[in-house]
């Protein structure tokens, strides 16, 4: 009887660890593809995310009127930078977030990580608004009431595959060429990178990176 119990425990332990094993297998599968993609797409390299934002402002003309839309606002550091550095009165800035943290675990980060405690950032600029809630309930309604007639900057900082994929599949059918996609955790091949590849393939959108951080974590990609 004790041998049977031991075998049952072994089986249960293997079942419990299987998601982690599957995650490792997927990582091993996607990592070489990601490294190959990076080598095949050389572009300007800068030290960090804020240098990347400044490079876009200076070299992609993003100090003109733009519609800046951010997904994964947290405490608002990135959207605040853009509000403060693009001063054109015609620009708009919209931030989407639940402000309760990520909706599922991401690597070693548990569900609820990066929470802002439900608090929307205090940005005193009439051009900037926030949409609170999970993307699947807020994005479809919002996007249906908007046209994208000018330069759009889509900042994707949702970290996880499902959230990033949802946003891209909602927007790629409507975004015009020369729109900019900014990814904040592109270096994780299982999440933002995989969502980008799957969505652009599904919508047959061609694109090319224009600037990246040194480790490819932060990347700006232009739609063609």
C-alpha atoms as a PDB file:
ATOM      1  CA  UNK A   1       0.000   0.000   0.000  1.00  0.00           C
ATOM      2  CA  UNK A   2       2.830   2.407   0.845  1.00  0.00           C
ATOM      3  CA  UNK A   3       4.387   1.767  -2.590  1.00  0.00           C
ATOM      4  CA  UNK A   4       1.079   2.581  -4.264  1.00  0.00           C
ATOM      5  CA  UNK A   5       0.753   5.827  -2.305  1.00  0.00           C
ATOM      6  CA  UNK A   6       4.294   6.758  -3.241  1.00  0.00           C
ATOM      7  CA  UNK A   7       3.580   6.164  -6.925  1.00  0.00           C
ATOM      8  CA  UNK A   8       0.396   8.241  -6.719  1.00  0.00           C
ATOM      9  CA  UNK A   9       2.337  11.083  -5.122  1.00  0.00           C
ATOM     10  CA  UNK A  10       4.947  10.872  -7.892  1.00  0.00           C
ATOM     11  CA  UNK A  11       2.246  11.094 -10.570  1.00  0.00           C
ATOM     12  CA  UNK A  12       0.595  14.067  -8.859  1.00  0.00           C
ATOM     13  CA  UNK A  13       3.940  15.843  -8.532  1.00  0.00           C
ATOM     14  CA  UNK A  14       4.605  15.383 -12.243  1.00  0.00           C
ATOM     15  CA  UNK A  15       1.171  16.784 -13.098  1.00  0.00           C
ATOM     16  CA  UNK A  16       1.742  19.809 -10.879  1.00  0.00           C
ATOM     17  CA  UNK A  17       5.090  20.618 -12.492  1.00  0.00           C
ATOM     18  CA  UNK A  18       3.972  19.967 -16.070  1.00  0.00           C
ATOM     19  CA  UNK A  19       2.970  23.598 -16.818  1.00  0.00           C
ATOM     20  CA  UNK A  20       6.478  24.710 -15.838  1.00  0.00           C
ATOM     21  CA  UNK A  21       8.015  21.996 -18.004  1.00  0.00           C
ATOM     22  CA  UNK A  22       5.796  22.987 -20.947  1.00  0.00           C
ATOM     23  CA  UNK A  23       6.785  26.624 -20.437  1.00  0.00           C
ATOM     24  CA  UNK A  24      10.462  25.685 -20.625  1.00  0.00           C
ATOM     25  CA  UNK A  25       9.885  23.654 -23.784  1.00  0.00           C
ATOM     26  CA  UNK A  26       8.113  26.565 -25.446  1.00  0.00           C
ATOM     27  CA  UNK A  27      10.896  28.906 -24.355  1.00  0.00           C
ATOM     28  CA  UNK A  28      13.538  26.617 -25.875  1.00  0.00           C
ATOM     29  CA  UNK A  29      11.506  26.516 -29.080  1.00  0.00           C
ATOM     30  CA  UNK A  30      10.998  30.277 -29.413  1.00  0.00           C
ATOM     31  CA  UNK A  31      14.367  31.529 -28.163  1.00  0.00           C
ATOM     32  CA  UNK A  32      16.396  30.527 -31.271  1.00  0.00           C
ATOM     33  CA  UNK A  33      13.695  32.024 -33.517  1.00  0.00           C
ATOM     34  CA  UNK A  34      13.795  35.261 -31.533  1.00  0.00           C
ATOM     35  CA  UNK A  35      17.592  35.497 -31.723  1.00  0.00           C
ATOM     36  CA  UNK A  36      17.496  34.843 -35.465  1.00  0.00           C
ATOM     37  CA  UNK A  37      14.838  37.536 -35.946  1.00  0.00           C
ATOM     38  CA  UNK A  38      16.969  40.048 -34.046  1.00  0.00           C
ATOM     39  CA  UNK A  39      20.037  39.293 -36.187  1.00  0.00           C
ATOM     40  CA  UNK A  40      17.943  39.602 -39.353  1.00  0.00           C
ATOM     41  CA  UNK A  41      16.587  43.043 -38.356  1.00  0.00           C
ATOM     42  CA  UNK A  42      19.449  45.377 -37.491  1.00  0.00           C
ATOM     43  CA  UNK A  43      18.376  48.835 -36.379  1.00  0.00           C
ATOM     44  CA  UNK A  44      19.495  51.768 -34.271  1.00  0.00           C
ATOM     45  CA  UNK A  45      20.535  50.818 -30.730  1.00  0.00           C
ATOM     46  CA  UNK A  46      20.079  53.048 -27.671  1.00  0.00           C
ATOM     47  CA  UNK A  47      20.791  52.489 -23.950  1.00  0.00           C
ATOM     48  CA  UNK A  48      17.290  52.356 -22.451  1.00  0.00           C
ATOM     49  CA  UNK A  49      13.575  53.035 -22.892  1.00  0.00           C
ATOM     50  CA  UNK A  50      13.778  56.794 -22.393  1.00  0.00           C
ATOM     51  CA  UNK A  51      16.576  57.088 -24.934  1.00  0.00           C
ATOM     52  CA  UNK A  52      14.345  55.088 -27.273  1.00  0.00           C
ATOM     53  CA  UNK A  53      11.448  57.517 -26.719  1.00  0.00           C
ATOM     54  CA  UNK A  54      13.729  60.481 -27.379  1.00  0.00           C
ATOM     55  CA  UNK A  55      15.115  58.864 -30.532  1.00  0.00           C
ATOM     56  CA  UNK A  56      11.561  58.427 -31.857  1.00  0.00           C
ATOM     57  CA  UNK A  57      10.698  61.998 -31.013  1.00  0.00           C
ATOM     58  CA  UNK A  58      13.768  63.311 -32.851  1.00  0.00           C
ATOM     59  CA  UNK A  59      13.961  60.904 -35.796  1.00  0.00           C
ATOM     60  CA  UNK A  60      10.389  59.826 -36.483  1.00  0.00           C
ATOM     61  CA  UNK A  61       8.763  63.236 -36.188  1.00  0.00           C
ATOM     62  CA  UNK A  62       6.730  62.314 -33.134  1.00  0.00           C
ATOM     63  CA  UNK A  63       6.849  65.841 -31.781  1.00  0.00           C
ATOM     64  CA  UNK A  64       4.052  66.605 -34.278  1.00  0.00           C
ATOM     65  CA  UNK A  65       0.338  65.850 -33.598  1.00  0.00           C
ATOM     66  CA  UNK A  66       0.024  62.160 -32.727  1.00  0.00           C
ATOM     67  CA  UNK A  67      -2.485  59.833 -31.133  1.00  0.00           C
ATOM     68  CA  UNK A  68      -0.554  58.010 -28.419  1.00  0.00           C
ATOM     69  CA  UNK A  69      -2.295  54.970 -26.933  1.00  0.00           C
ATOM     70  CA  UNK A  70      -0.683  52.977 -24.126  1.00  0.00           C
ATOM     71  CA  UNK A  71      -1.642  49.531 -22.857  1.00  0.00           C
ATOM     72  CA  UNK A  72      -0.246  48.702 -19.436  1.00  0.00           C
ATOM     73  CA  UNK A  73       0.068  52.068 -17.725  1.00  0.00           C
ATOM     74  CA  UNK A  74       0.746  51.013 -14.124  1.00  0.00           C
ATOM     75  CA  UNK A  75       1.903  54.184 -12.326  1.00  0.00           C
ATOM     76  CA  UNK A  76       2.147  56.202 -15.534  1.00  0.00           C
ATOM     77  CA  UNK A  77       5.887  56.765 -16.024  1.00  0.00           C
ATOM     78  CA  UNK A  78       5.892  56.229 -19.795  1.00  0.00           C
ATOM     79  CA  UNK A  79       2.691  58.067 -20.689  1.00  0.00           C
ATOM     80  CA  UNK A  80       3.787  60.955 -18.473  1.00  0.00           C
ATOM     81  CA  UNK A  81       7.074  61.182 -20.426  1.00  0.00           C
ATOM     82  CA  UNK A  82       5.198  61.448 -23.716  1.00  0.00           C
ATOM     83  CA  UNK A  83       2.745  64.030 -22.395  1.00  0.00           C
ATOM     84  CA  UNK A  84       5.614  66.154 -21.107  1.00  0.00           C
ATOM     85  CA  UNK A  85       7.764  65.829 -24.225  1.00  0.00           C
ATOM     86  CA  UNK A  86       5.185  66.071 -27.002  1.00  0.00           C
ATOM     87  CA  UNK A  87       3.704  69.498 -26.353  1.00  0.00           C
ATOM     88  CA  UNK A  88       1.647  69.829 -29.529  1.00  0.00           C
ATOM     89  CA  UNK A  89      -1.841  70.931 -28.578  1.00  0.00           C
ATOM     90  CA  UNK A  90      -3.389  68.594 -31.144  1.00  0.00           C
ATOM     91  CA  UNK A  91      -1.864  65.429 -29.692  1.00  0.00           C
ATOM     92  CA  UNK A  92      -3.957  62.993 -27.656  1.00  0.00           C
ATOM     93  CA  UNK A  93      -2.823  60.485 -25.044  1.00  0.00           C
ATOM     94  CA  UNK A  94      -4.936  57.553 -23.843  1.00  0.00           C
ATOM     95  CA  UNK A  95      -3.888  54.963 -21.264  1.00  0.00           C
ATOM     96  CA  UNK A  96      -5.597  51.585 -20.812  1.00  0.00           C
ATOM     97  CA  UNK A  97      -5.107  49.574 -17.626  1.00  0.00           C
ATOM     98  CA  UNK A  98      -7.026  47.821 -14.873  1.00  0.00           C
ATOM     99  CA  UNK A  99      -4.556  49.428 -12.427  1.00  0.00           C
ATOM    100  CA  UNK A 100      -4.834  46.174 -10.464  1.00  0.00           C
ATOM    101  CA  UNK A 101      -1.754  44.453 -11.883  1.00  0.00           C
ATOM    102  CA  UNK A 102      -1.298  41.754 -14.507  1.00  0.00           C
ATOM    103  CA  UNK A 103      -4.321  39.423 -14.863  1.00  0.00           C
ATOM    104  CA  UNK A 104      -2.259  36.227 -14.856  1.00  0.00           C
ATOM    105  CA  UNK A 105       1.196  35.066 -13.827  1.00  0.00           C
ATOM    106  CA  UNK A 106       4.106  36.103 -16.048  1.00  0.00           C
ATOM    107  CA  UNK A 107       7.262  34.083 -15.511  1.00  0.00           C
ATOM    108  CA  UNK A 108       8.240  34.526 -11.867  1.00  0.00           C
ATOM    109  CA  UNK A 109       5.811  37.456 -11.457  1.00  0.00           C
ATOM    110  CA  UNK A 110       2.495  36.315  -9.890  1.00  0.00           C
ATOM    111  CA  UNK A 111      -0.944  37.523 -10.881  1.00  0.00           C
ATOM    112  CA  UNK A 112      -1.473  41.069  -9.625  1.00  0.00           C
ATOM    113  CA  UNK A 113       2.138  42.162 -10.001  1.00  0.00           C
ATOM    114  CA  UNK A 114       2.747  45.799 -11.041  1.00  0.00           C
ATOM    115  CA  UNK A 115      -0.484  46.939  -9.449  1.00  0.00           C
ATOM    116  CA  UNK A 116      -1.117  50.627  -8.944  1.00  0.00           C
ATOM    117  CA  UNK A 117      -3.588  49.820  -6.190  1.00  0.00           C
ATOM    118  CA  UNK A 118      -6.473  50.766  -8.462  1.00  0.00           C
ATOM    119  CA  UNK A 119      -5.238  54.346  -8.657  1.00  0.00           C
ATOM    120  CA  UNK A 120      -5.163  56.217 -11.973  1.00  0.00           C
ATOM    121  CA  UNK A 121      -2.023  58.359 -12.435  1.00  0.00           C
ATOM    122  CA  UNK A 122      -2.434  62.056 -11.725  1.00  0.00           C
ATOM    123  CA  UNK A 123      -1.468  63.765 -14.980  1.00  0.00           C
ATOM    124  CA  UNK A 124      -2.806  67.290 -15.145  1.00  0.00           C
ATOM    125  CA  UNK A 125      -3.097  67.651 -18.900  1.00  0.00           C
ATOM    126  CA  UNK A 126      -6.425  67.845 -20.718  1.00  0.00           C
ATOM    127  CA  UNK A 127      -4.973  65.949 -23.692  1.00  0.00           C
ATOM    128  CA  UNK A 128      -4.512  62.825 -21.522  1.00  0.00           C
ATOM    129  CA  UNK A 129      -7.279  60.410 -20.493  1.00  0.00           C
ATOM    130  CA  UNK A 130      -7.406  56.933 -18.979  1.00  0.00           C
ATOM    131  CA  UNK A 131      -9.666  53.936 -19.609  1.00  0.00           C
ATOM    132  CA  UNK A 132      -9.887  51.686 -16.545  1.00  0.00           C
ATOM    133  CA  UNK A 133     -10.655  47.978 -16.894  1.00  0.00           C
ATOM    134  CA  UNK A 134      -9.424  44.792 -18.542  1.00  0.00           C
ATOM    135  CA  UNK A 135      -8.657  45.103 -22.236  1.00  0.00           C
ATOM    136  CA  UNK A 136     -11.224  42.566 -23.406  1.00  0.00           C
ATOM    137  CA  UNK A 137     -14.033  44.698 -21.980  1.00  0.00           C
ATOM    138  CA  UNK A 138     -12.691  48.185 -22.749  1.00  0.00           C
ATOM    139  CA  UNK A 139     -10.816  48.039 -26.050  1.00  0.00           C
ATOM    140  CA  UNK A 140     -13.498  46.735 -28.479  1.00  0.00           C
ATOM    141  CA  UNK A 141     -16.014  49.402 -27.455  1.00  0.00           C
ATOM    142  CA  UNK A 142     -13.449  52.201 -27.504  1.00  0.00           C
ATOM    143  CA  UNK A 143     -11.876  51.324 -30.842  1.00  0.00           C
ATOM    144  CA  UNK A 144     -15.260  51.096 -32.544  1.00  0.00           C
ATOM    145  CA  UNK A 145     -15.845  54.791 -31.879  1.00  0.00           C
ATOM    146  CA  UNK A 146     -12.478  56.021 -33.185  1.00  0.00           C
ATOM    147  CA  UNK A 147     -10.846  56.637 -36.529  1.00  0.00           C
ATOM    148  CA  UNK A 148      -7.078  56.614 -36.955  1.00  0.00           C
ATOM    149  CA  UNK A 149      -6.494  59.253 -39.594  1.00  0.00           C
ATOM    150  CA  UNK A 150      -3.051  60.441 -38.489  1.00  0.00           C
ATOM    151  CA  UNK A 151       0.143  59.164 -36.944  1.00  0.00           C
ATOM    152  CA  UNK A 152      -0.590  56.680 -34.178  1.00  0.00           C
ATOM    153  CA  UNK A 153       1.809  55.437 -31.517  1.00  0.00           C
ATOM    154  CA  UNK A 154       0.725  52.179 -29.888  1.00  0.00           C
ATOM    155  CA  UNK A 155       2.717  51.513 -26.726  1.00  0.00           C
ATOM    156  CA  UNK A 156       2.377  47.872 -25.646  1.00  0.00           C
ATOM    157  CA  UNK A 157       3.502  47.340 -22.069  1.00  0.00           C
ATOM    158  CA  UNK A 158       1.018  44.667 -20.997  1.00  0.00           C
ATOM    159  CA  UNK A 159       3.883  42.124 -20.644  1.00  0.00           C
ATOM    160  CA  UNK A 160       1.871  38.941 -21.233  1.00  0.00           C
ATOM    161  CA  UNK A 161       1.035  37.236 -24.518  1.00  0.00           C
ATOM    162  CA  UNK A 162      -2.764  37.169 -24.192  1.00  0.00           C
ATOM    163  CA  UNK A 163      -3.152  40.871 -23.399  1.00  0.00           C
ATOM    164  CA  UNK A 164      -0.684  41.972 -26.078  1.00  0.00           C
ATOM    165  CA  UNK A 165      -2.288  39.735 -28.703  1.00  0.00           C
ATOM    166  CA  UNK A 166      -5.757  41.072 -27.891  1.00  0.00           C
ATOM    167  CA  UNK A 167      -4.641  44.670 -28.425  1.00  0.00           C
ATOM    168  CA  UNK A 168      -2.774  43.954 -31.660  1.00  0.00           C
ATOM    169  CA  UNK A 169      -5.633  41.995 -33.190  1.00  0.00           C
ATOM    170  CA  UNK A 170      -7.992  44.881 -32.427  1.00  0.00           C
ATOM    171  CA  UNK A 171      -5.752  47.565 -33.948  1.00  0.00           C
ATOM    172  CA  UNK A 172      -3.798  46.053 -36.839  1.00  0.00           C
ATOM    173  CA  UNK A 173      -6.746  46.096 -39.227  1.00  0.00           C
ATOM    174  CA  UNK A 174      -7.121  49.867 -38.879  1.00  0.00           C
ATOM    175  CA  UNK A 175      -3.695  51.381 -38.205  1.00  0.00           C
ATOM    176  CA  UNK A 176      -2.209  53.256 -41.139  1.00  0.00           C
ATOM    177  CA  UNK A 177       1.318  52.736 -42.490  1.00  0.00           C
ATOM    178  CA  UNK A 178       3.986  54.659 -40.543  1.00  0.00           C
ATOM    179  CA  UNK A 179       2.212  53.959 -37.257  1.00  0.00           C
ATOM    180  CA  UNK A 180       4.667  53.034 -34.510  1.00  0.00           C
ATOM    181  CA  UNK A 181       4.432  50.036 -32.183  1.00  0.00           C
ATOM    182  CA  UNK A 182       6.504  50.315 -29.003  1.00  0.00           C
ATOM    183  CA  UNK A 183       7.112  47.127 -27.033  1.00  0.00           C
ATOM    184  CA  UNK A 184       8.420  47.318 -23.486  1.00  0.00           C
ATOM    185  CA  UNK A 185       9.213  43.636 -22.820  1.00  0.00           C
ATOM    186  CA  UNK A 186       9.938  42.422 -26.338  1.00  0.00           C
ATOM    187  CA  UNK A 187      12.904  40.369 -25.122  1.00  0.00           C
ATOM    188  CA  UNK A 188      10.634  37.668 -23.693  1.00  0.00           C
ATOM    189  CA  UNK A 189      10.127  35.421 -26.744  1.00  0.00           C
ATOM    190  CA  UNK A 190       7.011  33.776 -25.309  1.00  0.00           C
ATOM    191  CA  UNK A 191       5.009  36.928 -24.772  1.00  0.00           C
ATOM    192  CA  UNK A 192       5.257  40.320 -26.537  1.00  0.00           C
ATOM    193  CA  UNK A 193       7.497  38.975 -29.310  1.00  0.00           C
ATOM    194  CA  UNK A 194       5.238  35.957 -29.933  1.00  0.00           C
ATOM    195  CA  UNK A 195       2.100  38.127 -29.876  1.00  0.00           C
ATOM    196  CA  UNK A 196       3.689  40.507 -32.411  1.00  0.00           C
ATOM    197  CA  UNK A 197       4.621  37.646 -34.755  1.00  0.00           C
ATOM    198  CA  UNK A 198       1.233  35.932 -34.513  1.00  0.00           C
ATOM    199  CA  UNK A 199      -0.815  39.110 -34.968  1.00  0.00           C
ATOM    200  CA  UNK A 200       1.165  40.585 -37.858  1.00  0.00           C
ATOM    201  CA  UNK A 201       1.073  37.228 -39.636  1.00  0.00           C
ATOM    202  CA  UNK A 202      -2.690  36.914 -39.159  1.00  0.00           C
ATOM    203  CA  UNK A 203      -3.329  40.435 -40.495  1.00  0.00           C
ATOM    204  CA  UNK A 204      -0.570  40.253 -43.134  1.00  0.00           C
ATOM    205  CA  UNK A 205       0.980  43.508 -41.941  1.00  0.00           C
ATOM    206  CA  UNK A 206       4.577  44.157 -42.875  1.00  0.00           C
ATOM    207  CA  UNK A 207       6.756  46.059 -40.450  1.00  0.00           C
ATOM    208  CA  UNK A 208      10.344  46.739 -39.475  1.00  0.00           C
ATOM    209  CA  UNK A 209      12.102  47.749 -36.256  1.00  0.00           C
ATOM    210  CA  UNK A 210      13.559  51.255 -36.289  1.00  0.00           C
ATOM    211  CA  UNK A 211      15.189  51.463 -32.845  1.00  0.00           C
ATOM    212  CA  UNK A 212      15.797  49.161 -29.892  1.00  0.00           C
ATOM    213  CA  UNK A 213      17.467  49.059 -26.516  1.00  0.00           C
ATOM    214  CA  UNK A 214      20.766  47.213 -26.273  1.00  0.00           C
ATOM    215  CA  UNK A 215      19.183  43.965 -25.037  1.00  0.00           C
ATOM    216  CA  UNK A 216      16.113  44.121 -27.343  1.00  0.00           C
ATOM    217  CA  UNK A 217      13.822  44.494 -24.339  1.00  0.00           C
ATOM    218  CA  UNK A 218      12.465  47.805 -25.647  1.00  0.00           C
ATOM    219  CA  UNK A 219      11.762  47.973 -29.377  1.00  0.00           C
ATOM    220  CA  UNK A 220       9.956  50.400 -31.681  1.00  0.00           C
ATOM    221  CA  UNK A 221       8.555  48.895 -34.881  1.00  0.00           C
ATOM    222  CA  UNK A 222       7.084  50.833 -37.808  1.00  0.00           C
ATOM    223  CA  UNK A 223       4.160  49.491 -39.821  1.00  0.00           C
ATOM    224  CA  UNK A 224       4.767  49.631 -43.569  1.00  0.00           C
END
